[in-house]
Amino acid sequence: MNTKDIHLIYDAQYGIEYNNRFHDYDEWIIRTDAHTKIIENLHANVVKDTPVRWLDVACGTGYLLSRFPDSERVGLDLSPGMIVQARKQNPTVTIIEGNYLNTNAFEKGSFDVISETGWGHTYVDSFEQWDVMVKNFHGWLNENGSCFITLATLNNVYRWAGKKAPKLPYFVGQDFGGGQIRISGFEWTWKEGGGYFHRMRVPNPKEFKELFDRYFDEVHLVQYPPDFLGIIGFKQKQDPAVIEQIIADMKKLNKETTEAKPESVDKSLSFRKFLSKVKYFVKYKVSQW
């Protein structure tokens, strides 16, 4: 992970504009509601008298952290520019500048729940670094901890380009030596309109599940709206009702999203987006005149 590149992309100005550019898109609003519900379920699964201790990795501007005021929250991010905004939005929360590949960033057993919903895992330098990341998450969780990661998929990338994604097989076949040939993931680049250049690596979901299976006793791939895939790992076997509740909540959210009157949904989401853009314009653009 090239820290210098991360700092160049996610600078102070990027941090200021981030929520307006991404979190207020219709798709991101629905997606964030799903993230919130999944993390709520993982919090509810923690049995203790003290507040749930939760680490949000690649926390960005702290948007998700702000939704859980009753938890003992910790944010981790590599970008000083994003951290400035996260601390403004969450003045009582511990926000740390650091790298999830650093095993010593936290002591073992520090957290009940760990999440990574902003695709921070796509900025690795090699597929092998995913193993380091998952191993660290497992180590930082307590004995009954759980972890949730939003997976970037080929389908997401193609859909944003307005195209249908080809099917990406995992197991291709046998090689000449009798071993297996697998497609572990892919790399893609994104040049933003502002000139920002992202080089990202995305795992094949089956590869990532196998990776989680090495460390966690129970692992599930979970589909959630509008069209995303997440992975949840538990350090110990759970009552089936735990994951069943999460799946039921995602189905309900998906139904509410798809069956609501399109016009009313569009108007509601568009109005939220409009208000956000007005606030951004007044706060950051007018002040520069």
Foldseek 3Di string as FASTA:
>chain_A
DDLVLVQVQLDQVCLLCVCLVPCLDLQNVLVLVLVLVLVVLLLVPDDDPAAFEEEEEQCFLLPSVLVCVRHQYEYEHQYPNRQVNNCVSPVPHHYDHDDLLPLVPAAFQQGQEYEYEPQPVFQDPDPVSVLSNLVSVLRNHHQFHKYKYWFDDQQVVQVVVVHGGDDAFAWDQADPVRHTDGDQWDWDWDQDPVRRIGITIGGDVVNVQVSLVVQAVDKDWAAAPPGTIMMMGTNDDDDPVSVVVSNVVRVVSNCCVVVPDVVVSVVVSVVSSVVVVVVSCVPPVVVVD
